[in-house]
Amino acid sequence: MCKHTPPCPTGDAPDRQAVRVSAAHPEQGWELPCNGVLLFEETGQLLPDGSIVAPCRQQLAGAEMQRSA
């Protein structure tokens, strides 16, 4: 999908977030980079193959709850 030189990382690459954004809708909380990974504001991702990367904030929220208890 990417036509940049050098090409951006693919959707299955470990550095897949190091890309240029093709479409952004911050009012809806998402952006679509040129590699086809749908990035959500809460840090979740939907990969081009349909697999889901859970948001990182869930781990942080759990850690904060343990500290305050």
PDB file of N, CA and C in Angstrom:
ATOM      1  N   MET A   1       0.806  -1.201   0.000  1.00  0.00           N
ATOM      2  CA  MET A   1       0.000   0.000   0.000  1.00  0.00           C
ATOM      3  C   MET A   1       0.852   1.269   0.000  1.00  0.00           C
ATOM      4  N   CYS A   2       1.967   1.239   0.719  1.00  0.00           N
ATOM      5  CA  CYS A   2       2.790   2.437   0.881  1.00  0.00           C
ATOM      6  C   CYS A   2       3.575   2.744  -0.388  1.00  0.00           C
ATOM      7  N   LYS A   3       3.553   4.016  -0.765  1.00  0.00           N
ATOM      8  CA  LYS A   3       4.300   4.457  -1.946  1.00  0.00           C
ATOM      9  C   LYS A   3       5.437   5.398  -1.569  1.00  0.00           C
ATOM     10  N   HIS A   4       5.756   5.474  -0.265  1.00  0.00           N
ATOM     11  CA  HIS A   4       6.832   6.348   0.196  1.00  0.00           C
ATOM     12  C   HIS A   4       8.194   5.725  -0.099  1.00  0.00           C
ATOM     13  N   THR A   5       9.208   6.582  -0.198  1.00  0.00           N
ATOM     14  CA  THR A   5      10.579   6.124  -0.383  1.00  0.00           C
ATOM     15  C   THR A   5      11.419   6.670   0.762  1.00  0.00           C
ATOM     16  N   PRO A   6      12.026   5.840   1.583  1.00  0.00           N
ATOM     17  CA  PRO A   6      11.888   4.393   1.652  1.00  0.00           C
ATOM     18  C   PRO A   6      10.483   4.022   2.133  1.00  0.00           C
ATOM     19  N   PRO A   7      10.034   2.808   1.819  1.00  0.00           N
ATOM     20  CA  PRO A   7       8.674   2.416   2.203  1.00  0.00           C
ATOM     21  C   PRO A   7       8.513   2.322   3.718  1.00  0.00           C
ATOM     22  N   CYS A   8       7.329   2.633   4.182  1.00  0.00           N
ATOM     23  CA  CYS A   8       7.004   2.533   5.605  1.00  0.00           C
ATOM     24  C   CYS A   8       6.913   1.057   6.001  1.00  0.00           C
ATOM     25  N   PRO A   9       7.056   0.748   7.293  1.00  0.00           N
ATOM     26  CA  PRO A   9       6.950  -0.639   7.751  1.00  0.00           C
ATOM     27  C   PRO A   9       5.569  -1.224   7.426  1.00  0.00           C
ATOM     28  N   THR A  10       5.535  -2.509   7.163  1.00  0.00           N
ATOM     29  CA  THR A  10       4.276  -3.186   6.870  1.00  0.00           C
ATOM     30  C   THR A  10       3.451  -3.360   8.140  1.00  0.00           C
ATOM     31  N   GLY A  11       2.212  -3.774   7.981  1.00  0.00           N
ATOM     32  CA  GLY A  11       1.315  -3.952   9.113  1.00  0.00           C
ATOM     33  C   GLY A  11       1.725  -5.033  10.082  1.00  0.00           C
ATOM     34  N   ASP A  12       2.545  -5.987   9.644  1.00  0.00           N
ATOM     35  CA  ASP A  12       2.978  -7.053  10.546  1.00  0.00           C
ATOM     36  C   ASP A  12       4.387  -6.841  11.099  1.00  0.00           C
ATOM     37  N   ALA A  13       4.998  -5.712  10.787  1.00  0.00           N
ATOM     38  CA  ALA A  13       6.344  -5.402  11.279  1.00  0.00           C
ATOM     39  C   ALA A  13       6.285  -4.917  12.731  1.00  0.00           C
ATOM     40  N   PRO A  14       7.321  -5.185  13.530  1.00  0.00           N
ATOM     41  CA  PRO A  14       7.329  -4.730  14.922  1.00  0.00           C
ATOM     42  C   PRO A  14       7.269  -3.205  15.056  1.00  0.00           C
ATOM     43  N   ASP A  15       7.807  -2.486  14.069  1.00  0.00           N
ATOM     44  CA  ASP A  15       7.790  -1.015  14.115  1.00  0.00           C
ATOM     45  C   ASP A  15       6.671  -0.444  13.243  1.00  0.00           C
ATOM     46  N   ARG A  16       5.531  -1.136  13.197  1.00  0.00           N
ATOM     47  CA  ARG A  16       4.424  -0.755  12.313  1.00  0.00           C
ATOM     48  C   ARG A  16       3.827   0.622  12.597  1.00  0.00           C
ATOM     49  N   GLN A  17       4.121   1.222  13.751  1.00  0.00           N
ATOM     50  CA  GLN A  17       3.585   2.546  14.056  1.00  0.00           C
ATOM     51  C   GLN A  17       4.464   3.671  13.512  1.00  0.00           C
ATOM     52  N   ALA A  18       5.613   3.339  12.948  1.00  0.00           N
ATOM     53  CA  ALA A  18       6.528   4.345  12.396  1.00  0.00           C
ATOM     54  C   ALA A  18       6.178   4.596  10.929  1.00  0.00           C
ATOM     55  N   VAL A  19       4.989   5.114  10.693  1.00  0.00           N
ATOM     56  CA  VAL A  19       4.474   5.318   9.336  1.00  0.00           C
ATOM     57  C   VAL A  19       3.873   6.713   9.191  1.00  0.00           C
ATOM     58  N   ARG A  20       3.509   7.039   7.979  1.00  0.00           N
ATOM     59  CA  ARG A  20       2.804   8.294   7.711  1.00  0.00           C
ATOM     60  C   ARG A  20       1.307   8.021   7.673  1.00  0.00           C
ATOM     61  N   VAL A  21       0.533   8.956   8.176  1.00  0.00           N
ATOM     62  CA  VAL A  21      -0.916   8.798   8.248  1.00  0.00           C
ATOM     63  C   VAL A  21      -1.549   9.168   6.910  1.00  0.00           C
ATOM     64  N   SER A  22      -2.422   8.283   6.409  1.00  0.00           N
ATOM     65  CA  SER A  22      -3.144   8.532   5.161  1.00  0.00           C
ATOM     66  C   SER A  22      -4.460   9.246   5.419  1.00  0.00           C
ATOM     67  N   ALA A  23      -5.159   8.844   6.479  1.00  0.00           N
ATOM     68  CA  ALA A  23      -6.446   9.443   6.838  1.00  0.00           C
ATOM     69  C   ALA A  23      -6.520   9.539   8.354  1.00  0.00           C
ATOM     70  N   ALA A  24      -6.999  10.669   8.842  1.00  0.00           N
ATOM     71  CA  ALA A  24      -7.122  10.863  10.290  1.00  0.00           C
ATOM     72  C   ALA A  24      -8.485  11.448  10.620  1.00  0.00           C
ATOM     73  N   HIS A  25      -9.094  10.913  11.650  1.00  0.00           N
ATOM     74  CA  HIS A  25     -10.368  11.420  12.150  1.00  0.00           C
ATOM     75  C   HIS A  25     -10.274  11.515  13.671  1.00  0.00           C
ATOM     76  N   PRO A  26      -9.557  12.526  14.177  1.00  0.00           N
ATOM     77  CA  PRO A  26      -9.372  12.645  15.624  1.00  0.00           C
ATOM     78  C   PRO A  26     -10.688  12.829  16.379  1.00  0.00           C
ATOM     79  N   GLU A  27     -11.690  13.399  15.722  1.00  0.00           N
ATOM     80  CA  GLU A  27     -12.987  13.574  16.383  1.00  0.00           C
ATOM     81  C   GLU A  27     -13.650  12.225  16.650  1.00  0.00           C
ATOM     82  N   GLN A  28     -13.266  11.198  15.880  1.00  0.00           N
ATOM     83  CA  GLN A  28     -13.782   9.844  16.083  1.00  0.00           C
ATOM     84  C   GLN A  28     -12.767   8.961  16.810  1.00  0.00           C
ATOM     85  N   GLY A  29     -11.557   9.448  17.000  1.00  0.00           N
ATOM     86  CA  GLY A  29     -10.548   8.730  17.766  1.00  0.00           C
ATOM     87  C   GLY A  29      -9.748   7.696  17.001  1.00  0.00           C
ATOM     88  N   TRP A  30      -9.560   7.880  15.688  1.00  0.00           N
ATOM     89  CA  TRP A  30      -8.771   6.911  14.933  1.00  0.00           C
ATOM     90  C   TRP A  30      -8.024   7.569  13.792  1.00  0.00           C
ATOM     91  N   GLU A  31      -6.997   6.848  13.304  1.00  0.00           N
ATOM     92  CA  GLU A  31      -6.259   7.266  12.112  1.00  0.00           C
ATOM     93  C   GLU A  31      -5.821   6.021  11.342  1.00  0.00           C
ATOM     94  N   LEU A  32      -5.662   6.195  10.033  1.00  0.00           N
ATOM     95  CA  LEU A  32      -5.289   5.088   9.155  1.00  0.00           C
ATOM     96  C   LEU A  32      -3.979   5.419   8.474  1.00  0.00           C
ATOM     97  N   PRO A  33      -2.897   4.766   8.868  1.00  0.00           N
ATOM     98  CA  PRO A  33      -1.615   4.965   8.203  1.00  0.00           C
ATOM     99  C   PRO A  33      -1.585   4.254   6.851  1.00  0.00           C
ATOM    100  N   CYS A  34      -0.541   4.509   6.097  1.00  0.00           N
ATOM    101  CA  CYS A  34      -0.416   3.936   4.756  1.00  0.00           C
ATOM    102  C   CYS A  34      -0.209   2.426   4.758  1.00  0.00           C
ATOM    103  N   ASN A  35       0.121   1.818   5.903  1.00  0.00           N
ATOM    104  CA  ASN A  35       0.312   0.368   5.946  1.00  0.00           C
ATOM    105  C   ASN A  35      -0.975  -0.391   6.264  1.00  0.00           C
ATOM    106  N   GLY A  36      -2.091   0.321   6.436  1.00  0.00           N
ATOM    107  CA  GLY A  36      -3.382  -0.327   6.631  1.00  0.00           C
ATOM    108  C   GLY A  36      -3.721  -0.705   8.053  1.00  0.00           C
ATOM    109  N   VAL A  37      -2.887  -0.360   9.024  1.00  0.00           N
ATOM    110  CA  VAL A  37      -3.176  -0.643  10.432  1.00  0.00           C
ATOM    111  C   VAL A  37      -4.067   0.480  10.951  1.00  0.00           C
ATOM    112  N   LEU A  38      -5.241   0.138  11.452  1.00  0.00           N
ATOM    113  CA  LEU A  38      -6.144   1.137  12.001  1.00  0.00           C
ATOM    114  C   LEU A  38      -5.724   1.410  13.439  1.00  0.00           C
ATOM    115  N   LEU A  39      -5.286   2.643  13.718  1.00  0.00           N
ATOM    116  CA  LEU A  39      -4.806   3.026  15.048  1.00  0.00           C
ATOM    117  C   LEU A  39      -5.897   3.789  15.779  1.00  0.00           C
ATOM    118  N   PHE A  40      -6.184   3.376  17.003  1.00  0.00           N
ATOM    119  CA  PHE A  40      -7.206   4.025  17.806  1.00  0.00           C
ATOM    120  C   PHE A  40      -6.563   4.898  18.874  1.00  0.00           C
ATOM    121  N   GLU A  41      -7.263   5.956  19.249  1.00  0.00           N
ATOM    122  CA  GLU A  41      -6.769   6.925  20.223  1.00  0.00           C
ATOM    123  C   GLU A  41      -6.391   6.266  21.545  1.00  0.00           C
ATOM    124  N   GLU A  42      -7.120   5.248  21.963  1.00  0.00           N
ATOM    125  CA  GLU A  42      -6.833   4.594  23.239  1.00  0.00           C
ATOM    126  C   GLU A  42      -5.703   3.583  23.127  1.00  0.00           C
ATOM    127  N   THR A  43      -4.961   3.617  22.034  1.00  0.00           N
ATOM    128  CA  THR A  43      -3.768   2.822  21.729  1.00  0.00           C
ATOM    129  C   THR A  43      -4.061   1.421  21.208  1.00  0.00           C
ATOM    130  N   GLY A  44      -5.307   1.055  20.988  1.00  0.00           N
ATOM    131  CA  GLY A  44      -5.619  -0.223  20.365  1.00  0.00           C
ATOM    132  C   GLY A  44      -5.350  -0.156  18.868  1.00  0.00           C
ATOM    133  N   GLN A  45      -5.207  -1.319  18.246  1.00  0.00           N
ATOM    134  CA  GLN A  45      -4.924  -1.389  16.812  1.00  0.00           C
ATOM    135  C   GLN A  45      -5.724  -2.514  16.179  1.00  0.00           C
ATOM    136  N   LEU A  46      -6.124  -2.301  14.923  1.00  0.00           N
ATOM    137  CA  LEU A  46      -6.730  -3.339  14.109  1.00  0.00           C
ATOM    138  C   LEU A  46      -5.804  -3.542  12.927  1.00  0.00           C
ATOM    139  N   LEU A  47      -5.181  -4.726  12.860  1.00  0.00           N
ATOM    140  CA  LEU A  47      -4.199  -5.012  11.819  1.00  0.00           C
ATOM    141  C   LEU A  47      -4.890  -5.362  10.504  1.00  0.00           C
ATOM    142  N   PRO A  48      -4.185  -5.212   9.380  1.00  0.00           N
ATOM    143  CA  PRO A  48      -4.796  -5.489   8.080  1.00  0.00           C
ATOM    144  C   PRO A  48      -5.354  -6.910   7.940  1.00  0.00           C
ATOM    145  N   ASP A  49      -4.800  -7.879   8.670  1.00  0.00           N
ATOM    146  CA  ASP A  49      -5.299  -9.256   8.582  1.00  0.00           C
ATOM    147  C   ASP A  49      -6.514  -9.501   9.474  1.00  0.00           C
ATOM    148  N   GLY A  50      -6.981  -8.449  10.176  1.00  0.00           N
ATOM    149  CA  GLY A  50      -8.157  -8.551  11.031  1.00  0.00           C
ATOM    150  C   GLY A  50      -7.856  -8.848  12.484  1.00  0.00           C
ATOM    151  N   SER A  51      -6.603  -9.101  12.827  1.00  0.00           N
ATOM    152  CA  SER A  51      -6.267  -9.357  14.227  1.00  0.00           C
ATOM    153  C   SER A  51      -6.229  -8.048  15.008  1.00  0.00           C
ATOM    154  N   ILE A  52      -6.438  -8.171  16.306  1.00  0.00           N
ATOM    155  CA  ILE A  52      -6.572  -7.013  17.192  1.00  0.00           C
ATOM    156  C   ILE A  52      -5.382  -6.937  18.134  1.00  0.00           C
ATOM    157  N   VAL A  53      -4.872  -5.731  18.341  1.00  0.00           N
ATOM    158  CA  VAL A  53      -3.859  -5.463  19.354  1.00  0.00           C
ATOM    159  C   VAL A  53      -4.571  -4.660  20.438  1.00  0.00           C
ATOM    160  N   ALA A  54      -4.662  -5.222  21.622  1.00  0.00           N
ATOM    161  CA  ALA A  54      -5.388  -4.585  22.719  1.00  0.00           C
ATOM    162  C   ALA A  54      -4.725  -3.282  23.139  1.00  0.00           C
ATOM    163  N   PRO A  55      -5.507  -2.329  23.643  1.00  0.00           N
ATOM    164  CA  PRO A  55      -4.942  -1.070  24.122  1.00  0.00           C
ATOM    165  C   PRO A  55      -3.969  -1.291  25.270  1.00  0.00           C
ATOM    166  N   CYS A  56      -2.929  -0.491  25.318  1.00  0.00           N
ATOM    167  CA  CYS A  56      -1.928  -0.583  26.383  1.00  0.00           C
ATOM    168  C   CYS A  56      -2.441  -0.004  27.688  1.00  0.00           C
ATOM    169  N   ARG A  57      -3.403   0.877  27.642  1.00  0.00           N
ATOM    170  CA  ARG A  57      -3.891   1.543  28.848  1.00  0.00           C
ATOM    171  C   ARG A  57      -4.527   0.592  29.841  1.00  0.00           C
ATOM    172  N   GLN A  58      -5.052  -0.532  29.403  1.00  0.00           N
ATOM    173  CA  GLN A  58      -5.673  -1.475  30.330  1.00  0.00           C
ATOM    174  C   GLN A  58      -4.673  -1.935  31.372  1.00  0.00           C
ATOM    175  N   GLN A  59      -3.448  -2.188  30.971  1.00  0.00           N
ATOM    176  CA  GLN A  59      -2.416  -2.612  31.911  1.00  0.00           C
ATOM    177  C   GLN A  59      -2.101  -1.496  32.891  1.00  0.00           C
ATOM    178  N   LEU A  60      -2.021  -0.271  32.400  1.00  0.00           N
ATOM    179  CA  LEU A  60      -1.724   0.855  33.277  1.00  0.00           C
ATOM    180  C   LEU A  60      -2.851   1.089  34.263  1.00  0.00           C
ATOM    181  N   ALA A  61      -4.088   0.989  33.820  1.00  0.00           N
ATOM    182  CA  ALA A  61      -5.222   1.213  34.702  1.00  0.00           C
ATOM    183  C   ALA A  61      -5.225   0.181  35.822  1.00  0.00           C
ATOM    184  N   GLY A  62      -4.911  -1.067  35.502  1.00  0.00           N
ATOM    185  CA  GLY A  62      -4.853  -2.106  36.519  1.00  0.00           C
ATOM    186  C   GLY A  62      -3.757  -1.844  37.531  1.00  0.00           C
ATOM    187  N   ALA A  63      -2.623  -1.372  37.079  1.00  0.00           N
ATOM    188  CA  ALA A  63      -1.505  -1.071  37.974  1.00  0.00           C
ATOM    189  C   ALA A  63      -1.861   0.083  38.902  1.00  0.00           C
ATOM    190  N   GLU A  64      -2.558   1.097  38.385  1.00  0.00           N
ATOM    191  CA  GLU A  64      -2.949   2.235  39.213  1.00  0.00           C
ATOM    192  C   GLU A  64      -3.958   1.812  40.268  1.00  0.00           C
ATOM    193  N   MET A  65      -4.862   0.902  39.911  1.00  0.00           N
ATOM    194  CA  MET A  65      -5.857   0.440  40.868  1.00  0.00           C
ATOM    195  C   MET A  65      -5.189  -0.331  42.000  1.00  0.00           C
ATOM    196  N   GLN A  66      -4.160  -1.113  41.691  1.00  0.00           N
ATOM    197  CA  GLN A  66      -3.464  -1.872  42.721  1.00  0.00           C
ATOM    198  C   GLN A  66      -2.725  -0.945  43.672  1.00  0.00           C
ATOM    199  N   ARG A  67      -2.158   0.127  43.146  1.00  0.00           N
ATOM    200  CA  ARG A  67      -1.426   1.075  43.992  1.00  0.00           C
ATOM    201  C   ARG A  67      -2.354   1.801  44.954  1.00  0.00           C
ATOM    202  N   SER A  68      -3.570   2.127  44.502  1.00  0.00           N
ATOM    203  CA  SER A  68      -4.467   2.913  45.337  1.00  0.00           C
ATOM    204  C   SER A  68      -5.199   2.050  46.365  1.00  0.00           C
ATOM    205  N   ALA A  69      -5.157   0.741  46.225  1.00  0.00           N
ATOM    206  CA  ALA A  69      -5.886  -0.151  47.142  1.00  0.00           C
ATOM    207  C   ALA A  69      -5.151  -0.359  48.445  1.00  0.00           C
TER     208      ALA A  69
END
